[in-house]
Each structure stands twice: as C-alpha cells, then as structure tokens.
Amino acid sequence: ISRIVGGITTNLLFSVFEAWLVTEHRKRGFSEEKLEIVMRDSVVTSNLSAIASGSLAHMLACRYGPVGPFEGAVACTFVALLLVVTKWDENYGSSLSWGEK
C-alpha cells in the first residue's frame, strides 16, 4: 500500500506544480513563448536539487548516523513551511475560462 500512496503523491507533486505554474504565468500576463523556457528551467533546477539533496543526505548520514538525513528533512520541511506561510498567495482560480476573457 505504501508504494501505491507513494506513486499517487509523486504524480500529484509534479502535476500540481505544473498546473499552478501555467495558471500563474497566464494570470500575470507573461508571453506564452516564455512558458516553455520556464518549464525547461524548472526541470533542470529540480534535477540539480535532487543531486544536491542526495549529497546533503550523504553528508548528514556520515556525520550523524542513519537518522541524520531524517533530521535534515525535518529542518528543510520547517524552512519550507515558513516560506509558504509568509510568501505564498492562494490561487483560487477563475470562474471564467481563458477563452472568455
């Protein structure tokens, strides 16, 4: 069951971000041509972040033992929570479709 839940959450992680990105991009009036660049850069950044996270987890495991990466994850999650609470604007969507504007 944990593999099923993990698969669902991974799919949500990527699809929800892309849906938010496209909505915000259009809402702010940016050109559609730039959306491709933003999507490309987000993939590159995500991959670099995964590499950096793996390296950090390895260093934490070497220094603090098997619980080091988990303690690091708790710290990173807390920082992310602070950023979301202080900087994130809620996106409620629009009752109009894009063609009706």
PDB file of N, CA and C in Angstrom:
ATOM      1  N   ILE A   1       0.828  -1.200   0.000  1.00  0.00           N
ATOM      2  CA  ILE A   1       0.000   0.000   0.000  1.00  0.00           C
ATOM      3  C   ILE A   1       0.869   1.260   0.000  1.00  0.00           C
ATOM      4  N   SER A   2       2.026   1.220   0.653  1.00  0.00           N
ATOM      5  CA  SER A   2       2.871   2.412   0.695  1.00  0.00           C
ATOM      6  C   SER A   2       3.392   2.769  -0.691  1.00  0.00           C
ATOM      7  N   ARG A   3       3.629   1.784  -1.544  1.00  0.00           N
ATOM      8  CA  ARG A   3       4.084   2.072  -2.920  1.00  0.00           C
ATOM      9  C   ARG A   3       2.979   2.748  -3.727  1.00  0.00           C
ATOM     10  N   ILE A   4       1.746   2.362  -3.498  1.00  0.00           N
ATOM     11  CA  ILE A   4       0.619   2.983  -4.200  1.00  0.00           C
ATOM     12  C   ILE A   4       0.482   4.441  -3.761  1.00  0.00           C
ATOM     13  N   VAL A   5       0.535   4.667  -2.454  1.00  0.00           N
ATOM     14  CA  VAL A   5       0.430   6.031  -1.933  1.00  0.00           C
ATOM     15  C   VAL A   5       1.613   6.866  -2.417  1.00  0.00           C
ATOM     16  N   GLY A   6       2.800   6.277  -2.419  1.00  0.00           N
ATOM     17  CA  GLY A   6       3.982   6.989  -2.916  1.00  0.00           C
ATOM     18  C   GLY A   6       3.843   7.370  -4.377  1.00  0.00           C
ATOM     19  N   GLY A   7       3.289   6.470  -5.190  1.00  0.00           N
ATOM     20  CA  GLY A   7       3.076   6.774  -6.603  1.00  0.00           C
ATOM     21  C   GLY A   7       2.076   7.889  -6.806  1.00  0.00           C
ATOM     22  N   ILE A   8       0.999   7.861  -6.035  1.00  0.00           N
ATOM     23  CA  ILE A   8      -0.020   8.908  -6.144  1.00  0.00           C
ATOM     24  C   ILE A   8       0.558  10.263  -5.738  1.00  0.00           C
ATOM     25  N   THR A   9       1.277  10.297  -4.628  1.00  0.00           N
ATOM     26  CA  THR A   9       1.830  11.575  -4.171  1.00  0.00           C
ATOM     27  C   THR A   9       2.884  12.106  -5.125  1.00  0.00           C
ATOM     28  N   THR A  10       3.675  11.228  -5.730  1.00  0.00           N
ATOM     29  CA  THR A  10       4.669  11.679  -6.705  1.00  0.00           C
ATOM     30  C   THR A  10       3.984  12.281  -7.924  1.00  0.00           C
ATOM     31  N   ASN A  11       2.926  11.641  -8.414  1.00  0.00           N
ATOM     32  CA  ASN A  11       2.183  12.201  -9.548  1.00  0.00           C
ATOM     33  C   ASN A  11       1.578  13.554  -9.198  1.00  0.00           C
ATOM     34  N   LEU A  12       1.025  13.686  -8.010  1.00  0.00           N
ATOM     35  CA  LEU A  12       0.468  14.969  -7.584  1.00  0.00           C
ATOM     36  C   LEU A  12       1.551  16.028  -7.466  1.00  0.00           C
ATOM     37  N   LEU A  13       2.714  15.640  -6.953  1.00  0.00           N
ATOM     38  CA  LEU A  13       3.810  16.595  -6.776  1.00  0.00           C
ATOM     39  C   LEU A  13       4.148  17.282  -8.093  1.00  0.00           C
ATOM     40  N   PHE A  14       4.249  16.527  -9.158  1.00  0.00           N
ATOM     41  CA  PHE A  14       4.641  17.111 -10.431  1.00  0.00           C
ATOM     42  C   PHE A  14       3.467  17.767 -11.161  1.00  0.00           C
ATOM     43  N   SER A  15       2.298  17.164 -11.165  1.00  0.00           N
ATOM     44  CA  SER A  15       1.183  17.728 -11.922  1.00  0.00           C
ATOM     45  C   SER A  15       0.608  18.976 -11.263  1.00  0.00           C
ATOM     46  N   VAL A  16       0.554  19.030  -9.952  1.00  0.00           N
ATOM     47  CA  VAL A  16       0.008  20.202  -9.261  1.00  0.00           C
ATOM     48  C   VAL A  16       0.901  21.415  -9.494  1.00  0.00           C
ATOM     49  N   PHE A  17       2.218  21.226  -9.428  1.00  0.00           N
ATOM     50  CA  PHE A  17       3.122  22.351  -9.660  1.00  0.00           C
ATOM     51  C   PHE A  17       2.966  22.889 -11.077  1.00  0.00           C
ATOM     52  N   GLU A  18       2.904  22.000 -12.060  1.00  0.00           N
ATOM     53  CA  GLU A  18       2.779  22.453 -13.443  1.00  0.00           C
ATOM     54  C   GLU A  18       1.463  23.178 -13.674  1.00  0.00           C
ATOM     55  N   ALA A  19       0.386  22.693 -13.091  1.00  0.00           N
ATOM     56  CA  ALA A  19      -0.906  23.368 -13.233  1.00  0.00           C
ATOM     57  C   ALA A  19      -0.857  24.755 -12.595  1.00  0.00           C
ATOM     58  N   TRP A  20      -0.243  24.854 -11.425  1.00  0.00           N
ATOM     59  CA  TRP A  20      -0.109  26.152 -10.759  1.00  0.00           C
ATOM     60  C   TRP A  20       0.748  27.094 -11.599  1.00  0.00           C
ATOM     61  N   LEU A  21       1.844  26.572 -12.133  1.00  0.00           N
ATOM     62  CA  LEU A  21       2.766  27.390 -12.916  1.00  0.00           C
ATOM     63  C   LEU A  21       2.084  27.971 -14.153  1.00  0.00           C
ATOM     64  N   VAL A  22       1.366  27.151 -14.883  1.00  0.00           N
ATOM     65  CA  VAL A  22       0.679  27.623 -16.089  1.00  0.00           C
ATOM     66  C   VAL A  22      -0.376  28.668 -15.722  1.00  0.00           C
ATOM     67  N   THR A  23      -1.128  28.418 -14.658  1.00  0.00           N
ATOM     68  CA  THR A  23      -2.165  29.372 -14.238  1.00  0.00           C
ATOM     69  C   THR A  23      -1.565  30.709 -13.841  1.00  0.00           C
ATOM     70  N   GLU A  24      -0.525  30.682 -13.031  1.00  0.00           N
ATOM     71  CA  GLU A  24       0.110  31.931 -12.590  1.00  0.00           C
ATOM     72  C   GLU A  24       0.763  32.659 -13.763  1.00  0.00           C
ATOM     73  N   HIS A  25       1.383  31.915 -14.666  1.00  0.00           N
ATOM     74  CA  HIS A  25       2.038  32.506 -15.833  1.00  0.00           C
ATOM     75  C   HIS A  25       1.026  33.288 -16.672  1.00  0.00           C
ATOM     76  N   ARG A  26      -0.114  32.685 -16.925  1.00  0.00           N
ATOM     77  CA  ARG A  26      -1.144  33.342 -17.726  1.00  0.00           C
ATOM     78  C   ARG A  26      -1.824  34.473 -16.963  1.00  0.00           C
ATOM     79  N   LYS A  27      -2.035  34.266 -15.657  1.00  0.00           N
ATOM     80  CA  LYS A  27      -2.701  35.290 -14.847  1.00  0.00           C
ATOM     81  C   LYS A  27      -1.868  36.570 -14.806  1.00  0.00           C
ATOM     82  N   ARG A  28      -0.573  36.431 -14.783  1.00  0.00           N
ATOM     83  CA  ARG A  28       0.303  37.600 -14.714  1.00  0.00           C
ATOM     84  C   ARG A  28       0.600  38.201 -16.081  1.00  0.00           C
ATOM     85  N   GLY A  29       0.056  37.594 -17.141  1.00  0.00           N
ATOM     86  CA  GLY A  29       0.167  38.176 -18.468  1.00  0.00           C
ATOM     87  C   GLY A  29       1.500  37.974 -19.158  1.00  0.00           C
ATOM     88  N   PHE A  30       2.271  36.984 -18.751  1.00  0.00           N
ATOM     89  CA  PHE A  30       3.539  36.714 -19.417  1.00  0.00           C
ATOM     90  C   PHE A  30       3.278  36.072 -20.771  1.00  0.00           C
ATOM     91  N   SER A  31       4.222  36.215 -21.682  1.00  0.00           N
ATOM     92  CA  SER A  31       4.042  35.643 -23.022  1.00  0.00           C
ATOM     93  C   SER A  31       4.110  34.122 -22.966  1.00  0.00           C
ATOM     94  N   GLU A  32       3.344  33.494 -23.845  1.00  0.00           N
ATOM     95  CA  GLU A  32       3.280  32.029 -23.887  1.00  0.00           C
ATOM     96  C   GLU A  32       4.613  31.427 -24.310  1.00  0.00           C
ATOM     97  N   GLU A  33       5.389  32.153 -25.110  1.00  0.00           N
ATOM     98  CA  GLU A  33       6.685  31.638 -25.551  1.00  0.00           C
ATOM     99  C   GLU A  33       7.632  31.422 -24.368  1.00  0.00           C
ATOM    100  N   LYS A  34       7.512  32.269 -23.369  1.00  0.00           N
ATOM    101  CA  LYS A  34       8.401  32.151 -22.212  1.00  0.00           C
ATOM    102  C   LYS A  34       8.031  30.987 -21.300  1.00  0.00           C
ATOM    103  N   LEU A  35       6.818  30.478 -21.432  1.00  0.00           N
ATOM    104  CA  LEU A  35       6.389  29.362 -20.594  1.00  0.00           C
ATOM    105  C   LEU A  35       7.257  28.129 -20.840  1.00  0.00           C
ATOM    106  N   GLU A  36       7.628  27.889 -22.094  1.00  0.00           N
ATOM    107  CA  GLU A  36       8.490  26.755 -22.417  1.00  0.00           C
ATOM    108  C   GLU A  36       9.841  26.879 -21.733  1.00  0.00           C
ATOM    109  N   ILE A  37      10.375  28.075 -21.690  1.00  0.00           N
ATOM    110  CA  ILE A  37      11.665  28.307 -21.029  1.00  0.00           C
ATOM    111  C   ILE A  37      11.546  28.069 -19.533  1.00  0.00           C
ATOM    112  N   VAL A  38      10.458  28.550 -18.951  1.00  0.00           N
ATOM    113  CA  VAL A  38      10.246  28.359 -17.517  1.00  0.00           C
ATOM    114  C   VAL A  38      10.114  26.877 -17.180  1.00  0.00           C
ATOM    115  N   MET A  39       9.363  26.137 -18.003  1.00  0.00           N
ATOM    116  CA  MET A  39       9.194  24.693 -17.764  1.00  0.00           C
ATOM    117  C   MET A  39      10.537  23.975 -17.871  1.00  0.00           C
ATOM    118  N   ARG A  40      11.322  24.306 -18.886  1.00  0.00           N
ATOM    119  CA  ARG A  40      12.637  23.688 -19.058  1.00  0.00           C
ATOM    120  C   ARG A  40      13.528  23.970 -17.855  1.00  0.00           C
ATOM    121  N   ASP A  41      13.569  25.229 -17.461  1.00  0.00           N
ATOM    122  CA  ASP A  41      14.419  25.598 -16.332  1.00  0.00           C
ATOM    123  C   ASP A  41      13.959  24.948 -15.035  1.00  0.00           C
ATOM    124  N   SER A  42      12.654  24.749 -14.880  1.00  0.00           N
ATOM    125  CA  SER A  42      12.164  24.104 -13.655  1.00  0.00           C
ATOM    126  C   SER A  42      12.603  22.641 -13.601  1.00  0.00           C
ATOM    127  N   VAL A  43      12.654  21.972 -14.753  1.00  0.00           N
ATOM    128  CA  VAL A  43      13.116  20.588 -14.787  1.00  0.00           C
ATOM    129  C   VAL A  43      14.608  20.512 -14.450  1.00  0.00           C
ATOM    130  N   VAL A  44      15.400  21.407 -15.022  1.00  0.00           N
ATOM    131  CA  VAL A  44      16.840  21.428 -14.745  1.00  0.00           C
ATOM    132  C   VAL A  44      17.085  21.715 -13.267  1.00  0.00           C
ATOM    133  N   THR A  45      16.382  22.695 -12.726  1.00  0.00           N
ATOM    134  CA  THR A  45      16.528  23.042 -11.319  1.00  0.00           C
ATOM    135  C   THR A  45      16.115  21.888 -10.416  1.00  0.00           C
ATOM    136  N   SER A  46      15.041  21.207 -10.773  1.00  0.00           N
ATOM    137  CA  SER A  46      14.586  20.064  -9.993  1.00  0.00           C
ATOM    138  C   SER A  46      15.642  18.957  -9.965  1.00  0.00           C
ATOM    139  N   ASN A  47      16.249  18.683 -11.107  1.00  0.00           N
ATOM    140  CA  ASN A  47      17.284  17.651 -11.158  1.00  0.00           C
ATOM    141  C   ASN A  47      18.519  18.047 -10.359  1.00  0.00           C
ATOM    142  N   LEU A  48      18.936  19.293 -10.460  1.00  0.00           N
ATOM    143  CA  LEU A  48      20.079  19.756  -9.672  1.00  0.00           C
ATOM    144  C   LEU A  48      19.771  19.723  -8.178  1.00  0.00           C
ATOM    145  N   SER A  49      18.538  20.047  -7.833  1.00  0.00           N
ATOM    146  CA  SER A  49      18.125  19.989  -6.434  1.00  0.00           C
ATOM    147  C   SER A  49      18.156  18.555  -5.903  1.00  0.00           C
ATOM    148  N   ALA A  50      17.755  17.598  -6.734  1.00  0.00           N
ATOM    149  CA  ALA A  50      17.800  16.192  -6.320  1.00  0.00           C
ATOM    150  C   ALA A  50      19.233  15.733  -6.081  1.00  0.00           C
ATOM    151  N   ILE A  51      20.145  16.162  -6.922  1.00  0.00           N
ATOM    152  CA  ILE A  51      21.555  15.810  -6.747  1.00  0.00           C
ATOM    153  C   ILE A  51      22.098  16.433  -5.465  1.00  0.00           C
ATOM    154  N   ALA A  52      21.798  17.704  -5.255  1.00  0.00           N
ATOM    155  CA  ALA A  52      22.271  18.388  -4.045  1.00  0.00           C
ATOM    156  C   ALA A  52      21.659  17.757  -2.788  1.00  0.00           C
ATOM    157  N   SER A  53      20.393  17.377  -2.848  1.00  0.00           N
ATOM    158  CA  SER A  53      19.738  16.750  -1.704  1.00  0.00           C
ATOM    159  C   SER A  53      20.371  15.406  -1.368  1.00  0.00           C
ATOM    160  N   GLY A  54      20.690  14.638  -2.397  1.00  0.00           N
ATOM    161  CA  GLY A  54      21.361  13.352  -2.164  1.00  0.00           C
ATOM    162  C   GLY A  54      22.730  13.529  -1.535  1.00  0.00           C
ATOM    163  N   SER A  55      23.469  14.528  -1.993  1.00  0.00           N
ATOM    164  CA  SER A  55      24.789  14.807  -1.414  1.00  0.00           C
ATOM    165  C   SER A  55      24.661  15.257   0.034  1.00  0.00           C
ATOM    166  N   LEU A  56      23.709  16.130   0.299  1.00  0.00           N
ATOM    167  CA  LEU A  56      23.492  16.601   1.670  1.00  0.00           C
ATOM    168  C   LEU A  56      23.072  15.450   2.580  1.00  0.00           C
ATOM    169  N   ALA A  57      22.186  14.577   2.100  1.00  0.00           N
ATOM    170  CA  ALA A  57      21.754  13.428   2.899  1.00  0.00           C
ATOM    171  C   ALA A  57      22.931  12.513   3.213  1.00  0.00           C
ATOM    172  N   HIS A  58      23.816  12.331   2.241  1.00  0.00           N
ATOM    173  CA  HIS A  58      25.001  11.502   2.474  1.00  0.00           C
ATOM    174  C   HIS A  58      25.904  12.119   3.537  1.00  0.00           C
ATOM    175  N   MET A  59      26.122  13.423   3.447  1.00  0.00           N
ATOM    176  CA  MET A  59      26.966  14.099   4.448  1.00  0.00           C
ATOM    177  C   MET A  59      26.338  14.015   5.839  1.00  0.00           C
ATOM    178  N   LEU A  60      25.026  14.205   5.918  1.00  0.00           N
ATOM    179  CA  LEU A  60      24.349  14.121   7.215  1.00  0.00           C
ATOM    180  C   LEU A  60      24.406  12.703   7.776  1.00  0.00           C
ATOM    181  N   ALA A  61      24.303  11.706   6.914  1.00  0.00           N
ATOM    182  CA  ALA A  61      24.387  10.312   7.363  1.00  0.00           C
ATOM    183  C   ALA A  61      25.786   9.998   7.863  1.00  0.00           C
ATOM    184  N   CYS A  62      26.801  10.514   7.194  1.00  0.00           N
ATOM    185  CA  CYS A  62      28.181  10.282   7.638  1.00  0.00           C
ATOM    186  C   CYS A  62      28.437  10.943   8.988  1.00  0.00           C
ATOM    187  N   ARG A  63      27.877  12.124   9.180  1.00  0.00           N
ATOM    188  CA  ARG A  63      28.155  12.872  10.408  1.00  0.00           C
ATOM    189  C   ARG A  63      27.279  12.434  11.590  1.00  0.00           C
ATOM    190  N   TYR A  64      25.972  12.198  11.345  1.00  0.00           N
ATOM    191  CA  TYR A  64      25.034  11.937  12.441  1.00  0.00           C
ATOM    192  C   TYR A  64      24.462  10.518  12.449  1.00  0.00           C
ATOM    193  N   GLY A  65      24.908   9.702  11.541  1.00  0.00           N
ATOM    194  CA  GLY A  65      24.408   8.328  11.500  1.00  0.00           C
ATOM    195  C   GLY A  65      23.144   8.218  10.674  1.00  0.00           C
ATOM    196  N   PRO A  66      22.466   7.077  10.791  1.00  0.00           N
ATOM    197  CA  PRO A  66      21.313   6.818   9.937  1.00  0.00           C
ATOM    198  C   PRO A  66      20.151   7.796  10.114  1.00  0.00           C
ATOM    199  N   VAL A  67      20.078   8.472  11.252  1.00  0.00           N
ATOM    200  CA  VAL A  67      18.969   9.420  11.461  1.00  0.00           C
ATOM    201  C   VAL A  67      19.280  10.809  10.911  1.00  0.00           C
ATOM    202  N   GLY A  68      20.515  11.050  10.518  1.00  0.00           N
ATOM    203  CA  GLY A  68      20.924  12.369  10.027  1.00  0.00           C
ATOM    204  C   GLY A  68      20.081  12.893   8.874  1.00  0.00           C
ATOM    205  N   PRO A  69      19.871  12.087   7.824  1.00  0.00           N
ATOM    206  CA  PRO A  69      19.048  12.590   6.712  1.00  0.00           C
ATOM    207  C   PRO A  69      17.614  12.916   7.130  1.00  0.00           C
ATOM    208  N   PHE A  70      17.064  12.162   8.055  1.00  0.00           N
ATOM    209  CA  PHE A  70      15.695  12.432   8.509  1.00  0.00           C
ATOM    210  C   PHE A  70      15.633  13.725   9.320  1.00  0.00           C
ATOM    211  N   GLU A  71      16.635  13.948  10.154  1.00  0.00           N
ATOM    212  CA  GLU A  71      16.679  15.205  10.901  1.00  0.00           C
ATOM    213  C   GLU A  71      16.860  16.391   9.957  1.00  0.00           C
ATOM    214  N   GLY A  72      17.672  16.205   8.919  1.00  0.00           N
ATOM    215  CA  GLY A  72      17.827  17.254   7.908  1.00  0.00           C
ATOM    216  C   GLY A  72      16.534  17.520   7.164  1.00  0.00           C
ATOM    217  N   ALA A  73      15.775  16.463   6.881  1.00  0.00           N
ATOM    218  CA  ALA A  73      14.492  16.616   6.195  1.00  0.00           C
ATOM    219  C   ALA A  73      13.503  17.402   7.056  1.00  0.00           C
ATOM    220  N   VAL A  74      13.521  17.155   8.354  1.00  0.00           N
ATOM    221  CA  VAL A  74      12.633  17.902   9.254  1.00  0.00           C
ATOM    222  C   VAL A  74      13.000  19.383   9.232  1.00  0.00           C
ATOM    223  N   ALA A  75      14.289  19.688   9.267  1.00  0.00           N
ATOM    224  CA  ALA A  75      14.728  21.082   9.227  1.00  0.00           C
ATOM    225  C   ALA A  75      14.332  21.751   7.913  1.00  0.00           C
ATOM    226  N   CYS A  76      14.527  21.059   6.793  1.00  0.00           N
ATOM    227  CA  CYS A  76      14.155  21.618   5.488  1.00  0.00           C
ATOM    228  C   CYS A  76      12.642  21.808   5.371  1.00  0.00           C
ATOM    229  N   THR A  77      11.880  20.882   5.905  1.00  0.00           N
ATOM    230  CA  THR A  77      10.429  20.996   5.867  1.00  0.00           C
ATOM    231  C   THR A  77       9.961  22.197   6.686  1.00  0.00           C
ATOM    232  N   PHE A  78      10.597  22.439   7.815  1.00  0.00           N
ATOM    233  CA  PHE A  78      10.245  23.591   8.637  1.00  0.00           C
ATOM    234  C   PHE A  78      10.552  24.893   7.903  1.00  0.00           C
ATOM    235  N   VAL A  79      11.684  24.966   7.230  1.00  0.00           N
ATOM    236  CA  VAL A  79      12.027  26.160   6.452  1.00  0.00           C
ATOM    237  C   VAL A  79      11.010  26.361   5.331  1.00  0.00           C
ATOM    238  N   ALA A  80      10.636  25.273   4.650  1.00  0.00           N
ATOM    239  CA  ALA A  80       9.636  25.366   3.585  1.00  0.00           C
ATOM    240  C   ALA A  80       8.296  25.845   4.140  1.00  0.00           C
ATOM    241  N   LEU A  81       7.915  25.348   5.311  1.00  0.00           N
ATOM    242  CA  LEU A  81       6.668  25.784   5.938  1.00  0.00           C
ATOM    243  C   LEU A  81       6.693  27.285   6.197  1.00  0.00           C
ATOM    244  N   LEU A  82       7.792  27.785   6.722  1.00  0.00           N
ATOM    245  CA  LEU A  82       7.902  29.221   6.972  1.00  0.00           C
ATOM    246  C   LEU A  82       7.780  30.025   5.680  1.00  0.00           C
ATOM    247  N   LEU A  83       8.413  29.553   4.610  1.00  0.00           N
ATOM    248  CA  LEU A  83       8.323  30.260   3.331  1.00  0.00           C
ATOM    249  C   LEU A  83       6.902  30.244   2.779  1.00  0.00           C
ATOM    250  N   VAL A  84       6.229  29.115   2.872  1.00  0.00           N
ATOM    251  CA  VAL A  84       4.865  29.020   2.357  1.00  0.00           C
ATOM    252  C   VAL A  84       3.927  29.919   3.157  1.00  0.00           C
ATOM    253  N   VAL A  85       4.039  29.886   4.465  1.00  0.00           N
ATOM    254  CA  VAL A  85       3.139  30.675   5.310  1.00  0.00           C
ATOM    255  C   VAL A  85       3.342  32.173   5.091  1.00  0.00           C
ATOM    256  N   THR A  86       4.575  32.609   4.862  1.00  0.00           N
ATOM    257  CA  THR A  86       4.841  34.045   4.764  1.00  0.00           C
ATOM    258  C   THR A  86       4.801  34.594   3.342  1.00  0.00           C
ATOM    259  N   LYS A  87       5.035  33.762   2.329  1.00  0.00           N
ATOM    260  CA  LYS A  87       5.193  34.287   0.969  1.00  0.00           C
ATOM    261  C   LYS A  87       4.168  33.811  -0.045  1.00  0.00           C
ATOM    262  N   TRP A  88       3.410  32.780   0.237  1.00  0.00           N
ATOM    263  CA  TRP A  88       2.573  32.143  -0.769  1.00  0.00           C
ATOM    264  C   TRP A  88       1.191  32.778  -0.809  1.00  0.00           C
ATOM    265  N   ASP A  89       0.759  33.210  -1.995  1.00  0.00           N
ATOM    266  CA  ASP A  89      -0.613  33.701  -2.185  1.00  0.00           C
ATOM    267  C   ASP A  89      -1.475  32.549  -2.675  1.00  0.00           C
ATOM    268  N   GLU A  90      -2.652  32.430  -2.140  1.00  0.00           N
ATOM    269  CA  GLU A  90      -3.548  31.336  -2.539  1.00  0.00           C
ATOM    270  C   GLU A  90      -4.075  31.592  -3.948  1.00  0.00           C
ATOM    271  N   ASN A  91      -4.137  30.537  -4.748  1.00  0.00           N
ATOM    272  CA  ASN A  91      -4.656  30.616  -6.102  1.00  0.00           C
ATOM    273  C   ASN A  91      -6.031  29.947  -6.119  1.00  0.00           C
ATOM    274  N   TYR A  92      -7.083  30.737  -6.154  1.00  0.00           N
ATOM    275  CA  TYR A  92      -8.427  30.198  -6.128  1.00  0.00           C
ATOM    276  C   TYR A  92      -8.978  29.933  -7.528  1.00  0.00           C
ATOM    277  N   GLY A  93      -8.203  30.251  -8.543  1.00  0.00           N
ATOM    278  CA  GLY A  93      -8.664  30.019  -9.900  1.00  0.00           C
ATOM    279  C   GLY A  93      -9.596  31.129 -10.356  1.00  0.00           C
ATOM    280  N   SER A  94     -10.285  30.870 -11.450  1.00  0.00           N
ATOM    281  CA  SER A  94     -11.181  31.862 -12.019  1.00  0.00           C
ATOM    282  C   SER A  94     -12.459  31.169 -12.472  1.00  0.00           C
ATOM    283  N   SER A  95     -13.566  31.882 -12.381  1.00  0.00           N
ATOM    284  CA  SER A  95     -14.825  31.303 -12.846  1.00  0.00           C
ATOM    285  C   SER A  95     -14.951  31.411 -14.370  1.00  0.00           C
ATOM    286  N   LEU A  96     -14.101  32.229 -15.001  1.00  0.00           N
ATOM    287  CA  LEU A  96     -14.108  32.376 -16.448  1.00  0.00           C
ATOM    288  C   LEU A  96     -13.064  31.451 -17.067  1.00  0.00           C
ATOM    289  N   SER A  97     -13.384  30.905 -18.219  1.00  0.00           N
ATOM    290  CA  SER A  97     -12.371  30.138 -18.946  1.00  0.00           C
ATOM    291  C   SER A  97     -11.468  31.123 -19.682  1.00  0.00           C
ATOM    292  N   TRP A  98     -10.330  30.638 -20.149  1.00  0.00           N
ATOM    293  CA  TRP A  98      -9.356  31.533 -20.793  1.00  0.00           C
ATOM    294  C   TRP A  98      -9.917  32.138 -22.074  1.00  0.00           C
ATOM    295  N   GLY A  99     -10.826  31.454 -22.763  1.00  0.00           N
ATOM    296  CA  GLY A  99     -11.399  31.959 -23.999  1.00  0.00           C
ATOM    297  C   GLY A  99     -12.410  33.079 -23.787  1.00  0.00           C
ATOM    298  N   GLU A 100     -12.929  33.243 -22.565  1.00  0.00           N
ATOM    299  CA  GLU A 100     -13.960  34.244 -22.282  1.00  0.00           C
ATOM    300  C   GLU A 100     -13.398  35.601 -21.921  1.00  0.00           C
ATOM    301  N   LYS A 101     -12.108  35.714 -21.748  1.00  0.00           N
ATOM    302  CA  LYS A 101     -11.526  36.997 -21.334  1.00  0.00           C
ATOM    303  C   LYS A 101     -11.596  38.033 -22.400  1.00  0.00           C
TER     304      LYS A 101
END
